[in-house]
Amino acid sequence: MAASIVSIEEGTERLIEVQSSGEAGSPNIQLWLRLWGNRASGIPVLFVHGGPGNSVLGTYGNVNKEFFDCNRFFVVEVDQRGTGKSQPSVTDPANGVANMELYRDISLPQMSNDFEVIRKELGIDKWLVFGGSWGSTLSLDYALRFPERCLGLIVRAIFLGTRDEHDAVYARKSFVGDDSELKKFQLRQFDIFFDYAKKTVERLEPEAPLDPDDSERICRVYQALVMQGDRKAAWMCYAYEENLMVETESDLISYEEIDEAQLVEAWSTAFFEMRLFVRLAFEEPAEFVSRLEALAPVKTWVVQGTGDAVCPDFFARKLVAGLERANIKHEARFVDASHKCTSNNIKLALQQSVKEFIEGCS
């Protein structure tokens, strides 16, 4: 039995091919996986990373060892299509910008189906689905489409992809009317982020000025710039979101000085966030709350920081209310914390949720 246990440092990496975009001549798409834990008898776990556009190694490292015992679990960590070490990747130094075109039509159903391909390829019957931020969005979608394949669902920092959530981050009106120091700080970040898009529009479309409350158009402007290879636009998107999450101003990322070491991640998150957020909010709404009855067989845990600036707790409360109306077995933990899973109270709440999941399995 001991030979079947693999420590996190000895995780196995592999690529699994999934369906391409379907366009003639489009390359095959391969998803990168890291597998670790007890392959023989551990409880399977699907880790769904955030962003969108983050990656397992580049963003999370070994953080999941804080939640999953490698003797008790078998953990599957996946770089979503186009991200990280999956191929073709938007992070490719030579072809990253060109590869963005391959994922212009990326969608939630497509990405959820990718996980099904992986599950079947690995011979897993059911698994615990675990994801935060954008990972909560994709985890919810997967669980709603394939509830019979889920042992449970643990989601953090809830993002439902609605227009209201889009406005909460990308419209100026969300930051005005509140004289708290936090809102003043966030407003300064928004104004810097908006100004770059505004000046671009003034240069290219002077007859149609950009409205600071038009969150859809702001993000479409940034998407176009990023897909044209505009380094500054990619960095502005990355720095803006990161700065909304900082707990002290000393941690602010400079908008003017591009950190080349972080630029690869910036390219990826800027493209996938602008594309997928607009798609969900304005093109193909997921309508998660109206679909929750499908989760009837899936015990669900919701963990949310009440000080989360990029995924406000109001939307997590909407999700929990929807779970209650649909009579879905669930536990909700709203804690004094910000966005990231490494925030102490978030980490503790996730650990408690995993413990309760194990107790339920027993």
Protein backbone atom coordinates (compact mmCIF):
# COMPACT_ATOMS: atom_id res chain seq x y z
CA MET A 1 0.00 0.00 0.00
CA ALA A 2 2.81 2.43 0.82
CA ALA A 3 4.05 2.34 -2.77
CA SER A 4 0.78 3.90 -3.94
CA ILE A 5 1.29 7.04 -1.86
CA VAL A 6 2.95 9.90 -3.71
CA SER A 7 4.02 13.01 -1.80
CA ILE A 8 3.22 16.43 -3.18
CA GLU A 9 6.87 17.01 -4.13
CA GLU A 10 6.75 13.86 -6.28
CA GLY A 11 3.57 14.68 -8.16
CA THR A 12 3.20 13.21 -11.63
CA GLU A 13 2.72 15.55 -14.58
CA ARG A 14 0.99 14.61 -17.82
CA LEU A 15 -0.90 16.05 -20.79
CA ILE A 16 -4.38 14.92 -21.86
CA GLU A 17 -5.85 15.84 -25.23
CA VAL A 18 -9.32 17.40 -25.31
CA GLN A 19 -11.56 18.61 -28.11
CA SER A 20 -10.21 21.50 -30.15
CA SER A 21 -12.21 24.58 -31.10
CA GLY A 22 -13.57 22.66 -34.08
CA GLU A 23 -12.31 25.13 -36.67
CA ALA A 24 -10.55 23.67 -39.68
CA GLY A 25 -6.82 23.55 -39.15
CA SER A 26 -7.04 24.34 -35.44
CA PRO A 27 -4.38 22.56 -33.39
CA ASN A 28 -5.12 19.85 -30.86
CA ILE A 29 -5.58 21.16 -27.35
CA GLN A 30 -3.81 19.39 -24.51
CA LEU A 31 -4.44 20.06 -20.83
CA TRP A 32 -1.60 19.80 -18.34
CA LEU A 33 -2.25 17.90 -15.11
CA ARG A 34 -0.35 17.39 -11.88
CA LEU A 35 -1.44 14.28 -9.97
CA TRP A 36 -0.45 13.58 -6.38
CA GLY A 37 -1.61 11.71 -3.33
CA ASN A 38 -2.92 8.19 -2.81
CA ARG A 39 -3.79 6.95 -6.29
CA ALA A 40 -4.88 3.51 -5.11
CA SER A 41 -7.42 4.35 -2.41
CA GLY A 42 -7.47 8.10 -1.87
CA ILE A 43 -10.61 10.21 -2.36
CA PRO A 44 -10.30 11.86 -5.81
CA VAL A 45 -10.28 15.67 -5.85
CA LEU A 46 -10.57 17.98 -8.85
CA PHE A 47 -8.86 21.32 -8.14
CA VAL A 48 -10.29 24.12 -10.30
CA HIS A 49 -7.96 27.10 -10.41
CA GLY A 50 -9.00 30.74 -10.56
CA GLY A 51 -8.31 33.67 -12.81
CA PRO A 52 -9.49 32.86 -15.32
CA GLY A 53 -6.02 32.61 -16.77
CA ASN A 54 -4.12 31.53 -13.66
CA SER A 55 -2.17 28.28 -13.57
CA VAL A 56 -1.43 25.61 -10.98
CA LEU A 57 2.31 26.07 -10.62
CA GLY A 58 2.49 29.75 -11.52
CA THR A 59 -0.23 30.90 -9.12
CA TYR A 60 -0.87 28.22 -6.50
CA GLY A 61 2.34 26.23 -6.13
CA ASN A 62 1.76 23.68 -3.38
CA VAL A 63 -1.05 25.51 -1.56
CA ASN A 64 -3.38 22.53 -1.81
CA LYS A 65 -1.24 20.57 0.63
CA GLU A 66 -2.80 22.92 3.24
CA PHE A 67 -6.17 21.28 2.55
CA PHE A 68 -5.58 17.72 1.38
CA ASP A 69 -3.66 14.94 3.14
CA CYS A 70 -1.73 13.00 0.49
CA ASN A 71 -2.46 9.74 2.33
CA ARG A 72 -6.22 10.31 2.27
CA PHE A 73 -6.75 12.07 -1.08
CA PHE A 74 -5.78 11.72 -4.73
CA VAL A 75 -5.57 15.28 -6.09
CA VAL A 76 -5.94 16.23 -9.77
CA GLU A 77 -4.76 19.78 -10.52
CA VAL A 78 -5.47 21.03 -14.04
CA ASP A 79 -4.23 24.00 -16.05
CA GLN A 80 -7.39 25.03 -17.91
CA ARG A 81 -7.27 25.26 -21.69
CA GLY A 82 -4.85 27.90 -22.94
CA THR A 83 -3.33 28.53 -19.51
CA GLY A 84 -0.04 27.62 -17.84
CA LYS A 85 1.55 24.47 -19.22
CA SER A 86 -1.50 23.39 -21.24
CA GLN A 87 -0.96 23.55 -25.00
CA PRO A 88 -1.17 25.74 -27.05
CA SER A 89 -0.73 28.27 -24.26
CA VAL A 90 -1.38 31.99 -24.06
CA THR A 91 1.72 32.10 -21.84
CA ASP A 92 3.99 30.89 -24.67
CA PRO A 93 6.68 33.62 -24.92
CA ALA A 94 6.89 33.30 -28.69
CA ASN A 95 3.29 32.59 -29.71
CA GLY A 96 1.14 33.59 -26.73
CA VAL A 97 -0.59 36.54 -28.39
CA ALA A 98 -1.28 34.55 -31.56
CA ASN A 99 -2.63 31.65 -29.46
CA MET A 100 -5.29 33.92 -27.96
CA GLU A 101 -7.18 33.68 -31.23
CA LEU A 102 -7.62 29.92 -30.62
CA TYR A 103 -9.61 30.67 -27.47
CA ARG A 104 -11.74 33.57 -28.67
CA ASP A 105 -14.85 31.36 -28.42
CA ILE A 106 -13.96 29.68 -25.12
CA SER A 107 -17.03 28.92 -23.00
CA LEU A 108 -18.10 27.40 -19.69
CA PRO A 109 -19.71 24.29 -21.27
CA GLN A 110 -16.51 23.66 -23.21
CA MET A 111 -14.34 23.96 -20.09
CA SER A 112 -16.62 21.77 -17.98
CA ASN A 113 -16.54 19.11 -20.69
CA ASP A 114 -12.74 19.25 -20.52
CA PHE A 115 -12.94 18.01 -16.93
CA GLU A 116 -15.15 15.14 -18.03
CA VAL A 117 -12.54 14.09 -20.59
CA ILE A 118 -9.92 14.12 -17.84
CA ARG A 119 -12.11 12.19 -15.39
CA LYS A 120 -12.75 9.43 -17.92
CA GLU A 121 -9.11 9.30 -19.01
CA LEU A 122 -7.98 8.85 -15.40
CA GLY A 123 -10.63 6.23 -14.70
CA ILE A 124 -12.22 8.22 -11.87
CA ASP A 125 -15.87 7.48 -11.11
CA LYS A 126 -16.60 10.47 -8.84
CA TRP A 127 -14.56 13.25 -7.28
CA LEU A 128 -14.77 16.14 -4.84
CA VAL A 129 -14.78 19.43 -6.78
CA PHE A 130 -12.81 22.24 -5.10
CA GLY A 131 -12.36 25.75 -6.53
CA GLY A 132 -12.27 29.44 -5.67
CA SER A 133 -12.93 32.77 -7.38
CA TRP A 134 -13.20 31.96 -11.11
CA GLY A 135 -12.67 28.40 -9.91
CA SER A 136 -15.98 28.69 -8.03
CA THR A 137 -17.71 29.68 -11.29
CA LEU A 138 -16.33 26.78 -13.26
CA SER A 139 -16.78 24.34 -10.35
CA LEU A 140 -20.46 25.31 -10.09
CA ASP A 141 -20.96 24.89 -13.81
CA TYR A 142 -19.32 21.47 -13.82
CA ALA A 143 -21.29 20.28 -10.79
CA LEU A 144 -24.58 21.48 -12.32
CA ARG A 145 -23.84 19.70 -15.60
CA PHE A 146 -22.45 16.50 -14.07
CA PRO A 147 -23.87 16.20 -10.52
CA GLU A 148 -23.71 12.41 -10.67
CA ARG A 149 -19.92 12.67 -10.91
CA CYS A 150 -19.48 14.86 -7.81
CA LEU A 151 -18.83 13.51 -4.33
CA GLY A 152 -19.18 17.05 -3.02
CA LEU A 153 -18.60 20.68 -3.94
CA ILE A 154 -16.45 23.16 -1.99
CA VAL A 155 -16.37 26.69 -3.45
CA ARG A 156 -14.73 29.87 -2.22
CA ALA A 157 -14.90 33.58 -3.18
CA ILE A 158 -18.07 33.18 -5.20
CA PHE A 159 -18.32 34.62 -8.70
CA LEU A 160 -21.58 33.95 -10.58
CA GLY A 161 -20.67 35.89 -13.72
CA THR A 162 -23.65 38.27 -13.62
CA ARG A 163 -23.85 41.82 -14.97
CA ASP A 164 -24.06 43.15 -11.43
CA GLU A 165 -20.80 41.42 -10.52
CA HIS A 166 -19.20 42.75 -13.68
CA ASP A 167 -20.24 46.28 -12.75
CA ALA A 168 -19.00 45.76 -9.19
CA VAL A 169 -15.42 45.63 -10.50
CA TYR A 170 -15.48 47.38 -13.89
CA ALA A 171 -17.94 50.29 -13.47
CA ARG A 172 -17.03 53.52 -11.67
CA LYS A 173 -20.47 53.83 -10.06
CA SER A 174 -19.61 50.88 -7.82
CA PHE A 175 -16.93 52.89 -6.03
CA VAL A 176 -18.61 56.28 -5.56
CA GLY A 177 -21.07 57.47 -2.91
CA ASP A 178 -19.12 55.87 -0.07
CA ASP A 179 -16.56 58.02 1.73
CA SER A 180 -14.83 55.12 3.47
CA GLU A 181 -11.08 54.93 3.02
CA LEU A 182 -11.46 51.54 1.35
CA LYS A 183 -13.84 52.85 -1.34
CA LYS A 184 -11.67 55.91 -1.92
CA PHE A 185 -8.69 53.61 -2.40
CA GLN A 186 -10.60 51.36 -4.80
CA LEU A 187 -11.87 54.37 -6.75
CA ARG A 188 -8.28 55.54 -7.29
CA GLN A 189 -7.42 52.12 -8.68
CA PHE A 190 -10.42 52.14 -11.01
CA ASP A 191 -9.64 55.62 -12.34
CA ILE A 192 -6.11 54.59 -13.25
CA PHE A 193 -7.40 51.41 -14.95
CA PHE A 194 -10.14 53.29 -16.82
CA ASP A 195 -7.89 56.13 -17.94
CA TYR A 196 -5.76 53.89 -20.16
CA ALA A 197 -8.84 52.57 -21.99
CA LYS A 198 -10.35 56.04 -22.22
CA LYS A 199 -7.24 57.50 -23.86
CA THR A 200 -7.13 54.62 -26.32
CA VAL A 201 -10.74 55.27 -27.35
CA GLU A 202 -10.11 59.02 -27.62
CA ARG A 203 -7.28 58.27 -30.03
CA LEU A 204 -9.12 55.69 -32.15
CA GLU A 205 -12.80 56.62 -31.79
CA PRO A 206 -12.96 60.29 -30.73
CA GLU A 207 -16.62 60.54 -31.76
CA ALA A 208 -17.66 57.86 -29.21
CA PRO A 209 -16.13 58.64 -25.79
CA LEU A 210 -15.89 55.82 -23.27
CA ASP A 211 -18.38 55.91 -20.39
CA PRO A 212 -16.75 54.96 -17.04
CA ASP A 213 -19.93 53.04 -16.13
CA ASP A 214 -20.02 51.02 -19.36
CA SER A 215 -18.30 47.94 -17.94
CA GLU A 216 -18.94 45.86 -21.04
CA ARG A 217 -17.30 48.29 -23.45
CA ILE A 218 -14.37 48.96 -21.09
CA CYS A 219 -13.55 45.25 -21.03
CA ARG A 220 -14.05 44.85 -24.78
CA VAL A 221 -11.58 47.69 -25.33
CA TYR A 222 -9.05 45.96 -23.11
CA GLN A 223 -9.65 42.60 -24.77
CA ALA A 224 -8.95 44.09 -28.18
CA LEU A 225 -5.76 45.76 -26.93
CA VAL A 226 -4.50 42.58 -25.29
CA MET A 227 -5.17 40.51 -28.42
CA GLN A 228 -3.23 43.09 -30.43
CA GLY A 229 -0.21 42.52 -28.20
CA ASP A 230 -0.45 45.66 -26.07
CA ARG A 231 1.84 44.89 -23.11
CA LYS A 232 0.70 47.89 -21.11
CA ALA A 233 -2.97 46.93 -21.46
CA ALA A 234 -2.27 43.40 -20.21
CA TRP A 235 -0.32 44.79 -17.28
CA MET A 236 -3.04 47.34 -16.42
CA CYS A 237 -5.65 44.56 -16.19
CA TYR A 238 -3.41 42.44 -14.00
CA ALA A 239 -2.28 45.25 -11.71
CA TYR A 240 -5.81 46.60 -11.28
CA GLU A 241 -7.27 43.35 -10.01
CA GLU A 242 -4.25 42.57 -7.84
CA ASN A 243 -4.38 46.04 -6.30
CA LEU A 244 -8.05 45.71 -5.43
CA MET A 245 -7.07 42.72 -3.29
CA VAL A 246 -4.12 44.17 -1.39
CA GLU A 247 -4.51 44.62 2.34
CA THR A 248 -1.97 47.44 2.67
CA GLU A 249 -0.92 50.11 0.18
CA SER A 250 2.70 49.02 0.58
CA ASP A 251 1.72 45.89 -1.41
CA LEU A 252 0.47 47.87 -4.41
CA ILE A 253 1.72 46.87 -7.85
CA SER A 254 3.00 49.72 -9.98
CA TYR A 255 0.91 50.43 -13.06
CA GLU A 256 3.85 52.14 -14.77
CA GLU A 257 6.63 49.61 -14.18
CA ILE A 258 5.96 46.26 -15.81
CA ASP A 259 7.43 43.33 -13.89
CA GLU A 260 8.70 41.04 -16.62
CA ALA A 261 8.61 38.05 -14.26
CA GLN A 262 4.86 38.56 -13.78
CA LEU A 263 4.02 39.62 -17.32
CA VAL A 264 3.39 36.06 -18.54
CA GLU A 265 0.62 35.62 -15.95
CA ALA A 266 -0.64 39.12 -16.73
CA TRP A 267 -1.09 38.27 -20.43
CA SER A 268 -3.06 35.15 -19.56
CA THR A 269 -5.35 36.60 -16.90
CA ALA A 270 -5.98 39.78 -18.91
CA PHE A 271 -7.10 37.85 -21.99
CA PHE A 272 -9.17 35.17 -20.29
CA GLU A 273 -10.79 37.54 -17.80
CA MET A 274 -11.81 40.09 -20.40
CA ARG A 275 -13.11 37.38 -22.73
CA LEU A 276 -14.90 35.10 -20.28
CA PHE A 277 -16.31 37.79 -17.99
CA VAL A 278 -17.94 39.60 -20.93
CA ARG A 279 -19.16 36.32 -22.35
CA LEU A 280 -20.86 35.36 -19.09
CA ALA A 281 -22.28 38.77 -18.23
CA PHE A 282 -23.49 39.87 -21.67
CA GLU A 283 -23.43 37.01 -24.19
CA GLU A 284 -24.17 33.66 -22.53
CA PRO A 285 -25.45 34.16 -18.95
CA ALA A 286 -24.97 31.06 -16.80
CA GLU A 287 -28.02 31.76 -14.59
CA PHE A 288 -26.58 29.60 -11.83
CA VAL A 289 -29.12 30.47 -9.13
CA SER A 290 -32.03 29.29 -11.27
CA ARG A 291 -30.31 25.95 -11.96
CA LEU A 292 -29.43 24.89 -8.42
CA GLU A 293 -32.01 22.10 -8.19
CA ALA A 294 -29.57 19.98 -10.21
CA LEU A 295 -27.26 19.93 -7.18
CA ALA A 296 -29.75 17.80 -5.19
CA PRO A 297 -27.29 14.89 -4.78
CA VAL A 298 -24.26 17.12 -4.10
CA LYS A 299 -23.48 18.44 -0.60
CA THR A 300 -22.10 21.95 -1.08
CA TRP A 301 -19.84 24.13 1.07
CA VAL A 302 -19.56 27.89 0.47
CA VAL A 303 -16.66 29.87 1.96
CA GLN A 304 -16.63 33.64 1.53
CA GLY A 305 -14.59 36.55 2.87
CA THR A 306 -16.77 39.49 3.89
CA GLY A 307 -14.01 41.90 2.86
CA ASP A 308 -13.57 40.47 -0.64
CA ALA A 309 -13.17 43.39 -3.09
CA VAL A 310 -13.27 41.44 -6.37
CA CYS A 311 -15.98 38.91 -5.43
CA PRO A 312 -18.25 40.85 -3.04
CA ASP A 313 -20.00 38.71 -0.42
CA PHE A 314 -23.44 39.92 -1.59
CA PHE A 315 -23.28 37.41 -4.45
CA ALA A 316 -22.20 34.53 -2.23
CA ARG A 317 -25.24 35.28 -0.09
CA LYS A 318 -27.42 35.11 -3.20
CA LEU A 319 -25.97 31.69 -3.93
CA VAL A 320 -26.58 30.47 -0.39
CA ALA A 321 -30.16 31.78 -0.47
CA GLY A 322 -30.65 29.90 -3.73
CA LEU A 323 -29.30 26.69 -2.19
CA GLU A 324 -31.75 27.09 0.68
CA ARG A 325 -34.70 27.61 -1.66
CA ALA A 326 -33.71 24.55 -3.67
CA ASN A 327 -33.30 22.47 -0.48
CA ILE A 328 -29.69 21.62 -1.31
CA LYS A 329 -27.64 20.27 1.59
CA HIS A 330 -25.03 22.92 2.26
CA GLU A 331 -22.84 24.71 4.76
CA ALA A 332 -21.98 28.42 4.44
CA ARG A 333 -19.06 30.16 6.13
CA PHE A 334 -18.79 33.94 5.88
CA VAL A 335 -15.55 34.98 7.53
CA ASP A 336 -13.65 38.19 8.22
CA ALA A 337 -11.17 37.95 5.35
CA SER A 338 -10.41 39.21 1.86
CA HIS A 339 -10.22 37.19 -1.34
CA LYS A 340 -7.35 34.73 -1.33
CA CYS A 341 -7.35 31.19 0.01
CA THR A 342 -4.17 31.99 1.92
CA SER A 343 -6.01 34.54 4.09
CA ASN A 344 -5.98 32.94 7.53
CA ASN A 345 -9.74 32.82 8.13
CA ILE A 346 -10.41 31.59 4.59
CA LYS A 347 -7.84 28.83 5.01
CA LEU A 348 -9.35 27.74 8.32
CA ALA A 349 -12.87 27.71 6.87
CA LEU A 350 -11.75 25.62 3.90
CA GLN A 351 -9.94 23.18 6.17
CA GLN A 352 -13.08 22.80 8.29
CA SER A 353 -15.15 22.21 5.15
CA VAL A 354 -12.77 19.48 3.97
CA LYS A 355 -12.92 17.90 7.44
CA GLU A 356 -16.73 17.84 7.31
CA PHE A 357 -16.61 16.34 3.83
CA ILE A 358 -14.39 13.53 5.12
CA GLU A 359 -16.74 12.92 8.05
CA GLY A 360 -19.65 12.72 5.62
CA CYS A 361 -17.81 10.21 3.48
CA SER A 362 -17.10 8.09 6.53
